[in-house]
Amino acid sequence: MKINVLRLDHRQKRDARITTHVCLTARAFGADGVILNGDEDTKLMENVRDVAKRWGGQFEVDYKKNYENLIDEWKNKGGEVVHLTMYGSQVQEVVDDIQNSPKDKLVVVGGSRVPTKVYKEADWNVSVTSQPHSEVSSLAVFLHMLFEGKEFDKEFEGGKMKIIPTAEGKRVIISDNEEEKIE
């Protein structure tokens, strides 16, 4: 099952940091890519691609001006849409159904205001708590539950940098043979 994230209504001047965090969270928690909607932000997309290049793995970031066509195309190709919202079914109640469907998933995270069409077109409107909070945290919790924690063991092949977990200090492998220890 392929997982892509659709970030709705990105506003270049206002949302650069939060959208970057959506992209980094999607990548780190096992998604295959992010599709931005709203303002086209080539610098943000280049920065995310640079992270993927330096840290490894196959992760794509693209732009689609018209999210409606994207959702329709996704569904017409047999994919399913999961919309993360505080108004949906509780994640713990529907995650098994989502996991059990082998179809590719488009996970939609909102921006300033999510159009009614997204709620209606989604196969699942999923709530990660019924309280206001960040789309970044919703995405992280949802992907963690979807992948049952296995994303923690994911290997990101081909990267130039890799962190070696340590209780104290920082250890980073740069390239394949140099190790830099940062205290």
Protein backbone atom coordinates (compact mmCIF):
# COMPACT_ATOMS: atom_id res chain seq x y z
CA MET A 1 0.00 0.00 0.00
CA LYS A 2 1.37 3.38 -1.03
CA ILE A 3 0.73 6.37 1.25
CA ASN A 4 0.77 9.95 -0.01
CA VAL A 5 -0.16 13.03 1.98
CA LEU A 6 -2.10 15.92 0.49
CA ARG A 7 -1.40 19.20 2.28
CA LEU A 8 -4.37 21.43 1.48
CA ASP A 9 -4.25 25.20 1.11
CA HIS A 10 -0.55 25.89 1.71
CA ARG A 11 0.02 29.64 2.07
CA GLN A 12 3.62 30.42 1.21
CA LYS A 13 4.10 33.44 3.46
CA ARG A 14 2.20 32.08 6.41
CA ASP A 15 2.56 28.28 6.37
CA ALA A 16 6.13 27.55 5.26
CA ARG A 17 7.25 26.18 8.62
CA ILE A 18 4.16 24.08 9.36
CA THR A 19 4.02 22.68 5.82
CA THR A 20 7.71 21.80 6.03
CA HIS A 21 6.94 19.94 9.26
CA VAL A 22 4.06 18.12 7.57
CA CYS A 23 6.50 16.98 4.87
CA LEU A 24 9.23 15.94 7.31
CA THR A 25 6.75 14.09 9.51
CA ALA A 26 5.24 12.30 6.53
CA ARG A 27 8.70 11.19 5.42
CA ALA A 28 9.96 10.13 8.85
CA PHE A 29 6.75 8.24 9.66
CA GLY A 30 6.71 6.18 6.48
CA ALA A 31 4.70 8.03 3.82
CA ASP A 32 5.91 7.82 0.23
CA GLY A 33 5.38 11.47 -0.59
CA VAL A 34 3.54 14.74 -0.12
CA ILE A 35 1.48 16.70 -2.59
CA LEU A 36 1.13 20.40 -1.86
CA ASN A 37 -1.94 22.38 -2.78
CA GLY A 38 -2.48 26.12 -2.49
CA ASP A 39 0.46 28.41 -3.20
CA GLU A 40 3.19 26.80 -5.28
CA ASP A 41 6.30 26.97 -3.08
CA THR A 42 9.30 25.76 -5.06
CA LYS A 43 11.79 26.70 -2.33
CA LEU A 44 9.98 24.61 0.27
CA MET A 45 9.76 21.70 -2.15
CA GLU A 46 13.49 21.98 -2.95
CA ASN A 47 14.31 22.03 0.78
CA VAL A 48 12.27 18.86 1.41
CA ARG A 49 13.87 17.12 -1.58
CA ASP A 50 17.28 18.11 -0.20
CA VAL A 51 16.44 16.51 3.16
CA ALA A 52 15.41 13.30 1.39
CA LYS A 53 18.62 13.33 -0.63
CA ARG A 54 20.85 13.89 2.42
CA TRP A 55 19.00 11.53 4.77
CA GLY A 56 18.00 8.85 2.28
CA GLY A 57 14.93 6.95 1.26
CA GLN A 58 12.49 7.32 -1.58
CA PHE A 59 10.32 10.34 -0.82
CA GLU A 60 8.68 12.68 -3.30
CA VAL A 61 7.16 16.11 -2.97
CA ASP A 62 4.95 17.51 -5.72
CA TYR A 63 2.51 20.35 -6.32
CA LYS A 64 -1.05 20.15 -7.58
CA LYS A 65 -3.01 23.35 -8.06
CA ASN A 66 -6.43 21.68 -8.13
CA TYR A 67 -6.96 19.32 -5.20
CA GLU A 68 -10.42 18.33 -6.48
CA ASN A 69 -8.98 16.81 -9.64
CA LEU A 70 -6.31 15.06 -7.56
CA ILE A 71 -8.85 13.44 -5.25
CA ASP A 72 -10.99 12.38 -8.22
CA GLU A 73 -7.96 10.97 -10.07
CA TRP A 74 -6.77 9.16 -6.93
CA LYS A 75 -10.14 7.49 -6.44
CA ASN A 76 -10.55 6.71 -10.16
CA LYS A 77 -7.23 4.82 -10.02
CA GLY A 78 -8.58 2.69 -7.16
CA GLY A 79 -7.08 4.61 -4.26
CA GLU A 80 -8.78 5.64 -1.05
CA VAL A 81 -8.88 8.96 0.78
CA VAL A 82 -8.31 9.39 4.51
CA HIS A 83 -9.08 12.89 5.76
CA LEU A 84 -7.61 13.79 9.15
CA THR A 85 -10.04 16.04 11.02
CA MET A 86 -11.18 16.53 14.59
CA TYR A 87 -14.75 15.90 13.41
CA GLY A 88 -14.28 12.34 12.13
CA SER A 89 -14.47 8.83 13.49
CA GLN A 90 -11.93 8.12 16.21
CA VAL A 91 -8.67 6.78 14.78
CA GLN A 92 -8.57 3.86 17.18
CA GLU A 93 -12.00 2.75 15.93
CA VAL A 94 -11.22 2.82 12.18
CA VAL A 95 -7.49 2.18 11.82
CA ASP A 96 -7.98 -1.58 11.46
CA ASP A 97 -10.37 -1.06 8.53
CA ILE A 98 -7.90 1.29 6.89
CA GLN A 99 -5.01 -1.15 7.40
CA ASN A 100 -7.03 -4.06 6.07
CA SER A 101 -7.65 -2.36 2.75
CA PRO A 102 -4.63 -2.90 0.47
CA LYS A 103 -5.51 0.11 -1.68
CA ASP A 104 -3.18 3.11 -1.88
CA LYS A 105 -4.11 5.89 0.51
CA LEU A 106 -4.19 9.66 0.09
CA VAL A 107 -4.06 11.18 3.58
CA VAL A 108 -5.48 14.70 3.54
CA VAL A 109 -4.37 17.27 6.11
CA GLY A 110 -6.04 20.64 6.06
CA GLY A 111 -5.01 24.21 5.90
CA SER A 112 -6.99 27.28 6.83
CA ARG A 113 -10.41 25.81 5.99
CA VAL A 114 -11.22 22.40 4.57
CA PRO A 115 -13.93 22.46 1.90
CA THR A 116 -17.03 20.30 2.40
CA LYS A 117 -16.14 18.35 -0.76
CA VAL A 118 -13.14 16.81 1.05
CA TYR A 119 -15.37 15.50 3.86
CA LYS A 120 -17.83 14.08 1.33
CA GLU A 121 -15.19 12.51 -0.97
CA ALA A 122 -13.15 10.92 1.84
CA ASP A 123 -13.51 7.21 2.41
CA TRP A 124 -12.71 7.93 6.05
CA ASN A 125 -12.90 11.16 8.02
CA VAL A 126 -10.58 10.33 10.90
CA SER A 127 -10.22 12.13 14.19
CA VAL A 128 -7.04 12.01 16.24
CA THR A 129 -8.72 13.27 19.40
CA SER A 130 -11.74 15.54 19.14
CA GLN A 131 -9.79 18.57 20.23
CA PRO A 132 -8.07 21.31 18.23
CA HIS A 133 -4.40 20.58 17.60
CA SER A 134 -1.82 20.52 14.84
CA GLU A 135 -2.09 18.73 11.51
CA VAL A 136 1.51 17.65 12.15
CA SER A 137 0.59 15.82 15.34
CA SER A 138 -2.49 14.28 13.73
CA LEU A 139 -0.40 13.02 10.84
CA ALA A 140 2.27 11.57 13.14
CA VAL A 141 -0.21 9.76 15.36
CA PHE A 142 -2.22 8.46 12.40
CA LEU A 143 0.83 7.13 10.52
CA HIS A 144 2.20 5.61 13.72
CA MET A 145 -1.04 3.73 14.28
CA LEU A 146 -1.39 2.80 10.60
CA PHE A 147 2.11 1.28 10.51
CA GLU A 148 1.79 -0.18 14.03
CA GLY A 149 5.06 1.41 15.12
CA LYS A 150 7.09 -0.32 12.40
CA GLU A 151 8.08 3.06 10.97
CA PHE A 152 10.52 3.37 13.89
CA ASP A 153 12.58 0.58 12.31
CA LYS A 154 12.44 1.95 8.76
CA GLU A 155 15.79 2.17 6.99
CA PHE A 156 16.37 5.15 4.71
CA GLU A 157 18.72 3.81 2.06
CA GLY A 158 21.08 5.97 0.04
CA GLY A 159 21.42 8.88 2.44
CA LYS A 160 24.60 10.78 3.11
CA MET A 161 23.78 11.20 6.80
CA LYS A 162 22.59 8.84 9.52
CA ILE A 163 22.14 9.37 13.22
CA ILE A 164 23.47 6.73 15.58
CA PRO A 165 21.25 6.78 18.68
CA THR A 166 23.18 7.47 21.88
CA ALA A 167 22.13 8.25 25.42
CA GLU A 168 24.46 11.25 25.52
CA GLY A 169 25.99 13.47 22.87
CA LYS A 170 25.35 13.23 19.15
CA ARG A 171 26.74 10.73 16.67
CA VAL A 172 26.20 11.28 12.99
CA ILE A 173 27.62 9.22 10.14
CA ILE A 174 28.34 11.41 7.16
CA SER A 175 28.69 9.60 3.82
CA ASP A 176 29.42 5.91 4.14
CA ASN A 177 32.72 5.99 5.89
CA GLU A 178 33.13 9.14 7.95
CA GLU A 179 31.76 9.35 11.45
CA GLU A 180 31.45 12.67 13.15
CA LYS A 181 30.86 12.72 16.88
CA ILE A 182 29.23 15.88 18.12
CA GLU A 183 29.26 16.43 21.86
